[in-house]
Amino acid sequence: MDPNDLTKEYSNGEVTIVWKSGLCKHAAECVKNNPAVFKPKEKPWINPENSDTEAIVETIKKCPSGALTYYYNK
């Protein structure tokens, strides 16, 4: 497993955030737009339970690299 090309998933029960480290360009749009969820100095750095689903989805849509995607849980 390449530590520079990981895929991780984080869920709040309604939506799952998918992060692909190999695509991330570190533009920090996620951190700027939803700092309650995206905290790069913490582990885990994505905490979706800290925000509502709508705000998470809107933040992910602003990711310029496509490193962040999402899907709704059933």
PDB file of N, CA and C in Angstrom:
ATOM      1  N   MET A   1       0.845  -1.189   0.000  1.00  0.00           N
ATOM      2  CA  MET A   1       0.000   0.000   0.000  1.00  0.00           C
ATOM      3  C   MET A   1       0.883   1.242   0.000  1.00  0.00           C
ATOM      4  N   ASP A   2       0.652   2.109  -0.944  1.00  0.00           N
ATOM      5  CA  ASP A   2       1.414   3.354  -1.071  1.00  0.00           C
ATOM      6  C   ASP A   2       0.831   4.398  -0.121  1.00  0.00           C
ATOM      7  N   PRO A   3       1.582   4.863   0.879  1.00  0.00           N
ATOM      8  CA  PRO A   3       1.057   5.839   1.832  1.00  0.00           C
ATOM      9  C   PRO A   3       0.738   7.189   1.201  1.00  0.00           C
ATOM     10  N   ASN A   4       1.233   7.420  -0.008  1.00  0.00           N
ATOM     11  CA  ASN A   4       0.927   8.667  -0.708  1.00  0.00           C
ATOM     12  C   ASN A   4      -0.269   8.545  -1.632  1.00  0.00           C
ATOM     13  N   ASP A   5      -0.897   7.381  -1.657  1.00  0.00           N
ATOM     14  CA  ASP A   5      -2.050   7.167  -2.526  1.00  0.00           C
ATOM     15  C   ASP A   5      -3.093   6.326  -1.791  1.00  0.00           C
ATOM     16  N   LEU A   6      -3.612   6.875  -0.710  1.00  0.00           N
ATOM     17  CA  LEU A   6      -4.604   6.201   0.115  1.00  0.00           C
ATOM     18  C   LEU A   6      -6.011   6.651  -0.242  1.00  0.00           C
ATOM     19  N   THR A   7      -6.972   5.792  -0.013  1.00  0.00           N
ATOM     20  CA  THR A   7      -8.385   6.161  -0.084  1.00  0.00           C
ATOM     21  C   THR A   7      -8.985   5.848   1.271  1.00  0.00           C
ATOM     22  N   LYS A   8      -9.586   6.856   1.878  1.00  0.00           N
ATOM     23  CA  LYS A   8     -10.205   6.681   3.196  1.00  0.00           C
ATOM     24  C   LYS A   8     -11.631   7.181   3.147  1.00  0.00           C
ATOM     25  N   GLU A   9     -12.476   6.571   3.972  1.00  0.00           N
ATOM     26  CA  GLU A   9     -13.887   6.954   4.041  1.00  0.00           C
ATOM     27  C   GLU A   9     -14.251   7.326   5.471  1.00  0.00           C
ATOM     28  N   TYR A  10     -15.089   8.365   5.579  1.00  0.00           N
ATOM     29  CA  TYR A  10     -15.551   8.867   6.865  1.00  0.00           C
ATOM     30  C   TYR A  10     -17.043   9.141   6.745  1.00  0.00           C
ATOM     31  N   SER A  11     -17.832   8.674   7.722  1.00  0.00           N
ATOM     32  CA  SER A  11     -19.281   8.803   7.612  1.00  0.00           C
ATOM     33  C   SER A  11     -19.900   9.463   8.843  1.00  0.00           C
ATOM     34  N   ASN A  12     -20.993  10.194   8.597  1.00  0.00           N
ATOM     35  CA  ASN A  12     -21.788  10.726   9.706  1.00  0.00           C
ATOM     36  C   ASN A  12     -23.100   9.959   9.845  1.00  0.00           C
ATOM     37  N   GLY A  13     -23.227   8.870   9.120  1.00  0.00           N
ATOM     38  CA  GLY A  13     -24.441   8.065   9.141  1.00  0.00           C
ATOM     39  C   GLY A  13     -25.356   8.361   7.967  1.00  0.00           C
ATOM     40  N   GLU A  14     -25.340   9.573   7.468  1.00  0.00           N
ATOM     41  CA  GLU A  14     -26.164   9.974   6.324  1.00  0.00           C
ATOM     42  C   GLU A  14     -25.365  10.015   5.033  1.00  0.00           C
ATOM     43  N   VAL A  15     -24.138  10.497   5.143  1.00  0.00           N
ATOM     44  CA  VAL A  15     -23.275  10.656   3.972  1.00  0.00           C
ATOM     45  C   VAL A  15     -21.879  10.146   4.327  1.00  0.00           C
ATOM     46  N   THR A  16     -21.213   9.586   3.336  1.00  0.00           N
ATOM     47  CA  THR A  16     -19.836   9.133   3.518  1.00  0.00           C
ATOM     48  C   THR A  16     -18.922   9.987   2.659  1.00  0.00           C
ATOM     49  N   ILE A  17     -17.895  10.533   3.284  1.00  0.00           N
ATOM     50  CA  ILE A  17     -16.878  11.324   2.597  1.00  0.00           C
ATOM     51  C   ILE A  17     -15.781  10.361   2.160  1.00  0.00           C
ATOM     52  N   VAL A  18     -15.394  10.447   0.893  1.00  0.00           N
ATOM     53  CA  VAL A  18     -14.302   9.638   0.369  1.00  0.00           C
ATOM     54  C   VAL A  18     -13.148  10.584   0.041  1.00  0.00           C
ATOM     55  N   TRP A  19     -11.983  10.309   0.631  1.00  0.00           N
ATOM     56  CA  TRP A  19     -10.798  11.129   0.395  1.00  0.00           C
ATOM     57  C   TRP A  19      -9.722  10.290  -0.257  1.00  0.00           C
ATOM     58  N   LYS A  20      -9.204  10.776  -1.384  1.00  0.00           N
ATOM     59  CA  LYS A  20      -8.124  10.102  -2.107  1.00  0.00           C
ATOM     60  C   LYS A  20      -6.875  10.968  -1.999  1.00  0.00           C
ATOM     61  N   SER A  21      -5.955  10.524  -1.180  1.00  0.00           N
ATOM     62  CA  SER A  21      -4.767  11.327  -0.889  1.00  0.00           C
ATOM     63  C   SER A  21      -3.924  11.615  -2.131  1.00  0.00           C
ATOM     64  N   GLY A  22      -3.881  10.699  -3.069  1.00  0.00           N
ATOM     65  CA  GLY A  22      -3.072  10.883  -4.270  1.00  0.00           C
ATOM     66  C   GLY A  22      -3.562  11.989  -5.184  1.00  0.00           C
ATOM     67  N   LEU A  23      -4.840  12.371  -5.044  1.00  0.00           N
ATOM     68  CA  LEU A  23      -5.403  13.443  -5.865  1.00  0.00           C
ATOM     69  C   LEU A  23      -5.343  14.806  -5.186  1.00  0.00           C
ATOM     70  N   CYS A  24      -5.164  14.814  -3.883  1.00  0.00           N
ATOM     71  CA  CYS A  24      -5.240  16.048  -3.108  1.00  0.00           C
ATOM     72  C   CYS A  24      -4.128  17.024  -3.494  1.00  0.00           C
ATOM     73  N   LYS A  25      -4.517  18.252  -3.812  1.00  0.00           N
ATOM     74  CA  LYS A  25      -3.571  19.313  -4.181  1.00  0.00           C
ATOM     75  C   LYS A  25      -3.363  20.302  -3.036  1.00  0.00           C
ATOM     76  N   HIS A  26      -3.980  20.032  -1.890  1.00  0.00           N
ATOM     77  CA  HIS A  26      -3.826  20.846  -0.677  1.00  0.00           C
ATOM     78  C   HIS A  26      -4.217  22.304  -0.893  1.00  0.00           C
ATOM     79  N   ALA A  27      -5.284  22.516  -1.645  1.00  0.00           N
ATOM     80  CA  ALA A  27      -5.809  23.868  -1.860  1.00  0.00           C
ATOM     81  C   ALA A  27      -6.509  24.381  -0.602  1.00  0.00           C
ATOM     82  N   ALA A  28      -6.852  23.486   0.304  1.00  0.00           N
ATOM     83  CA  ALA A  28      -7.464  23.793   1.599  1.00  0.00           C
ATOM     84  C   ALA A  28      -8.864  24.384   1.498  1.00  0.00           C
ATOM     85  N   GLU A  29      -9.533  24.184   0.380  1.00  0.00           N
ATOM     86  CA  GLU A  29     -10.918  24.658   0.267  1.00  0.00           C
ATOM     87  C   GLU A  29     -11.814  23.974   1.288  1.00  0.00           C
ATOM     88  N   CYS A  30     -11.549  22.716   1.575  1.00  0.00           N
ATOM     89  CA  CYS A  30     -12.343  21.992   2.565  1.00  0.00           C
ATOM     90  C   CYS A  30     -12.171  22.628   3.946  1.00  0.00           C
ATOM     91  N   VAL A  31     -10.947  22.926   4.313  1.00  0.00           N
ATOM     92  CA  VAL A  31     -10.651  23.518   5.611  1.00  0.00           C
ATOM     93  C   VAL A  31     -11.260  24.917   5.715  1.00  0.00           C
ATOM     94  N   LYS A  32     -11.150  25.706   4.659  1.00  0.00           N
ATOM     95  CA  LYS A  32     -11.693  27.073   4.658  1.00  0.00           C
ATOM     96  C   LYS A  32     -13.214  27.076   4.734  1.00  0.00           C
ATOM     97  N   ASN A  33     -13.848  26.122   4.060  1.00  0.00           N
ATOM     98  CA  ASN A  33     -15.308  26.129   3.958  1.00  0.00           C
ATOM     99  C   ASN A  33     -16.025  25.347   5.054  1.00  0.00           C
ATOM    100  N   ASN A  34     -15.341  24.425   5.711  1.00  0.00           N
ATOM    101  CA  ASN A  34     -15.985  23.667   6.780  1.00  0.00           C
ATOM    102  C   ASN A  34     -14.928  23.205   7.797  1.00  0.00           C
ATOM    103  N   PRO A  35     -14.365  24.155   8.552  1.00  0.00           N
ATOM    104  CA  PRO A  35     -13.299  23.820   9.489  1.00  0.00           C
ATOM    105  C   PRO A  35     -13.736  22.937  10.652  1.00  0.00           C
ATOM    106  N   ALA A  36     -15.022  22.823  10.889  1.00  0.00           N
ATOM    107  CA  ALA A  36     -15.501  21.926  11.941  1.00  0.00           C
ATOM    108  C   ALA A  36     -15.311  20.459  11.547  1.00  0.00           C
ATOM    109  N   VAL A  37     -15.325  20.183  10.257  1.00  0.00           N
ATOM    110  CA  VAL A  37     -15.181  18.812   9.758  1.00  0.00           C
ATOM    111  C   VAL A  37     -13.746  18.515   9.342  1.00  0.00           C
ATOM    112  N   PHE A  38     -13.125  19.436   8.635  1.00  0.00           N
ATOM    113  CA  PHE A  38     -11.808  19.199   8.055  1.00  0.00           C
ATOM    114  C   PHE A  38     -10.735  19.891   8.897  1.00  0.00           C
ATOM    115  N   LYS A  39     -10.014  19.084   9.674  1.00  0.00           N
ATOM    116  CA  LYS A  39      -9.004  19.590  10.605  1.00  0.00           C
ATOM    117  C   LYS A  39      -7.687  18.874  10.338  1.00  0.00           C
ATOM    118  N   PRO A  40      -6.862  19.406   9.452  1.00  0.00           N
ATOM    119  CA  PRO A  40      -5.665  18.692   9.019  1.00  0.00           C
ATOM    120  C   PRO A  40      -4.622  18.415  10.101  1.00  0.00           C
ATOM    121  N   LYS A  41      -4.697  19.074  11.222  1.00  0.00           N
ATOM    122  CA  LYS A  41      -3.719  18.843  12.290  1.00  0.00           C
ATOM    123  C   LYS A  41      -4.178  17.777  13.279  1.00  0.00           C
ATOM    124  N   GLU A  42      -5.379  17.209  13.060  1.00  0.00           N
ATOM    125  CA  GLU A  42      -5.916  16.193  13.959  1.00  0.00           C
ATOM    126  C   GLU A  42      -5.970  14.839  13.261  1.00  0.00           C
ATOM    127  N   LYS A  43      -6.102  13.790  14.048  1.00  0.00           N
ATOM    128  CA  LYS A  43      -6.295  12.443  13.505  1.00  0.00           C
ATOM    129  C   LYS A  43      -7.513  11.847  14.165  1.00  0.00           C
ATOM    130  N   PRO A  44      -8.501  11.380  13.460  1.00  0.00           N
ATOM    131  CA  PRO A  44      -8.600  11.526  12.010  1.00  0.00           C
ATOM    132  C   PRO A  44      -8.825  12.993  11.651  1.00  0.00           C
ATOM    133  N   TRP A  45      -8.412  13.373  10.475  1.00  0.00           N
ATOM    134  CA  TRP A  45      -8.503  14.785  10.087  1.00  0.00           C
ATOM    135  C   TRP A  45      -9.865  15.166   9.540  1.00  0.00           C
ATOM    136  N   ILE A  46     -10.687  14.166   9.217  1.00  0.00           N
ATOM    137  CA  ILE A  46     -12.048  14.419   8.746  1.00  0.00           C
ATOM    138  C   ILE A  46     -13.015  13.888   9.799  1.00  0.00           C
ATOM    139  N   ASN A  47     -13.888  14.774  10.299  1.00  0.00           N
ATOM    140  CA  ASN A  47     -14.849  14.438  11.350  1.00  0.00           C
ATOM    141  C   ASN A  47     -16.255  14.843  10.906  1.00  0.00           C
ATOM    142  N   PRO A  48     -16.908  14.019  10.077  1.00  0.00           N
ATOM    143  CA  PRO A  48     -18.198  14.400   9.511  1.00  0.00           C
ATOM    144  C   PRO A  48     -19.326  14.558  10.525  1.00  0.00           C
ATOM    145  N   GLU A  49     -19.163  14.008  11.714  1.00  0.00           N
ATOM    146  CA  GLU A  49     -20.211  14.161  12.722  1.00  0.00           C
ATOM    147  C   GLU A  49     -20.281  15.588  13.266  1.00  0.00           C
ATOM    148  N   ASN A  50     -19.326  16.435  12.894  1.00  0.00           N
ATOM    149  CA  ASN A  50     -19.287  17.820  13.379  1.00  0.00           C
ATOM    150  C   ASN A  50     -20.075  18.797  12.511  1.00  0.00           C
ATOM    151  N   SER A  51     -20.809  18.297  11.506  1.00  0.00           N
ATOM    152  CA  SER A  51     -21.542  19.186  10.607  1.00  0.00           C
ATOM    153  C   SER A  51     -22.738  18.453  10.040  1.00  0.00           C
ATOM    154  N   ASP A  52     -23.672  19.215   9.493  1.00  0.00           N
ATOM    155  CA  ASP A  52     -24.807  18.563   8.854  1.00  0.00           C
ATOM    156  C   ASP A  52     -24.433  18.145   7.431  1.00  0.00           C
ATOM    157  N   THR A  53     -25.182  17.205   6.924  1.00  0.00           N
ATOM    158  CA  THR A  53     -24.890  16.598   5.621  1.00  0.00           C
ATOM    159  C   THR A  53     -24.876  17.616   4.492  1.00  0.00           C
ATOM    160  N   GLU A  54     -25.812  18.536   4.477  1.00  0.00           N
ATOM    161  CA  GLU A  54     -25.879  19.538   3.405  1.00  0.00           C
ATOM    162  C   GLU A  54     -24.603  20.378   3.344  1.00  0.00           C
ATOM    163  N   ALA A  55     -24.104  20.806   4.499  1.00  0.00           N
ATOM    164  CA  ALA A  55     -22.873  21.609   4.534  1.00  0.00           C
ATOM    165  C   ALA A  55     -21.668  20.787   4.081  1.00  0.00           C
ATOM    166  N   ILE A  56     -21.631  19.518   4.430  1.00  0.00           N
ATOM    167  CA  ILE A  56     -20.549  18.641   3.997  1.00  0.00           C
ATOM    168  C   ILE A  56     -20.543  18.510   2.479  1.00  0.00           C
ATOM    169  N   VAL A  57     -21.701  18.242   1.906  1.00  0.00           N
ATOM    170  CA  VAL A  57     -21.803  18.076   0.449  1.00  0.00           C
ATOM    171  C   VAL A  57     -21.397  19.356  -0.271  1.00  0.00           C
ATOM    172  N   GLU A  58     -21.856  20.496   0.210  1.00  0.00           N
ATOM    173  CA  GLU A  58     -21.500  21.771  -0.427  1.00  0.00           C
ATOM    174  C   GLU A  58     -19.991  22.022  -0.348  1.00  0.00           C
ATOM    175  N   THR A  59     -19.370  21.641   0.748  1.00  0.00           N
ATOM    176  CA  THR A  59     -17.924  21.790   0.883  1.00  0.00           C
ATOM    177  C   THR A  59     -17.189  20.885  -0.096  1.00  0.00           C
ATOM    178  N   ILE A  60     -17.607  19.649  -0.197  1.00  0.00           N
ATOM    179  CA  ILE A  60     -16.957  18.696  -1.099  1.00  0.00           C
ATOM    180  C   ILE A  60     -17.060  19.158  -2.552  1.00  0.00           C
ATOM    181  N   LYS A  61     -18.154  19.764  -2.916  1.00  0.00           N
ATOM    182  CA  LYS A  61     -18.326  20.252  -4.289  1.00  0.00           C
ATOM    183  C   LYS A  61     -17.316  21.348  -4.638  1.00  0.00           C
ATOM    184  N   LYS A  62     -16.711  21.971  -3.633  1.00  0.00           N
ATOM    185  CA  LYS A  62     -15.735  23.040  -3.858  1.00  0.00           C
ATOM    186  C   LYS A  62     -14.307  22.524  -3.971  1.00  0.00           C
ATOM    187  N   CYS A  63     -14.110  21.237  -3.814  1.00  0.00           N
ATOM    188  CA  CYS A  63     -12.767  20.657  -3.890  1.00  0.00           C
ATOM    189  C   CYS A  63     -12.273  20.719  -5.334  1.00  0.00           C
ATOM    190  N   PRO A  64     -11.222  21.492  -5.608  1.00  0.00           N
ATOM    191  CA  PRO A  64     -10.767  21.676  -6.987  1.00  0.00           C
ATOM    192  C   PRO A  64     -10.043  20.467  -7.591  1.00  0.00           C
ATOM    193  N   SER A  65      -9.541  19.585  -6.751  1.00  0.00           N
ATOM    194  CA  SER A  65      -8.745  18.465  -7.256  1.00  0.00           C
ATOM    195  C   SER A  65      -9.538  17.187  -7.471  1.00  0.00           C
ATOM    196  N   GLY A  66     -10.728  17.105  -6.874  1.00  0.00           N
ATOM    197  CA  GLY A  66     -11.496  15.874  -6.953  1.00  0.00           C
ATOM    198  C   GLY A  66     -11.049  14.836  -5.934  1.00  0.00           C
ATOM    199  N   ALA A  67     -10.205  15.242  -4.999  1.00  0.00           N
ATOM    200  CA  ALA A  67      -9.733  14.322  -3.967  1.00  0.00           C
ATOM    201  C   ALA A  67     -10.857  13.956  -3.003  1.00  0.00           C
ATOM    202  N   LEU A  68     -11.830  14.844  -2.855  1.00  0.00           N
ATOM    203  CA  LEU A  68     -12.976  14.590  -1.988  1.00  0.00           C
ATOM    204  C   LEU A  68     -14.207  14.301  -2.828  1.00  0.00           C
ATOM    205  N   THR A  69     -14.858  13.198  -2.535  1.00  0.00           N
ATOM    206  CA  THR A  69     -16.139  12.868  -3.132  1.00  0.00           C
ATOM    207  C   THR A  69     -17.038  12.382  -2.011  1.00  0.00           C
ATOM    208  N   TYR A  70     -18.251  12.046  -2.335  1.00  0.00           N
ATOM    209  CA  TYR A  70     -19.179  11.591  -1.298  1.00  0.00           C
ATOM    210  C   TYR A  70     -20.213  10.666  -1.899  1.00  0.00           C
ATOM    211  N   TYR A  71     -20.870   9.918  -1.036  1.00  0.00           N
ATOM    212  CA  TYR A  71     -22.054   9.163  -1.431  1.00  0.00           C
ATOM    213  C   TYR A  71     -22.981   9.112  -0.229  1.00  0.00           C
ATOM    214  N   TYR A  72     -24.271   9.050  -0.529  1.00  0.00           N
ATOM    215  CA  TYR A  72     -25.278   8.972   0.509  1.00  0.00           C
ATOM    216  C   TYR A  72     -25.412   7.535   0.972  1.00  0.00           C
ATOM    217  N   ASN A  73     -25.512   7.339   2.285  1.00  0.00           N
ATOM    218  CA  ASN A  73     -25.689   6.013   2.846  1.00  0.00           C
ATOM    219  C   ASN A  73     -27.133   5.587   2.686  1.00  0.00           C
ATOM    220  N   LYS A  74     -27.347   4.307   2.570  1.00  0.00           N
ATOM    221  CA  LYS A  74     -28.719   3.783   2.403  1.00  0.00           C
ATOM    222  C   LYS A  74     -29.430   3.702   3.715  1.00  0.00           C
TER     223      LYS A  74
END
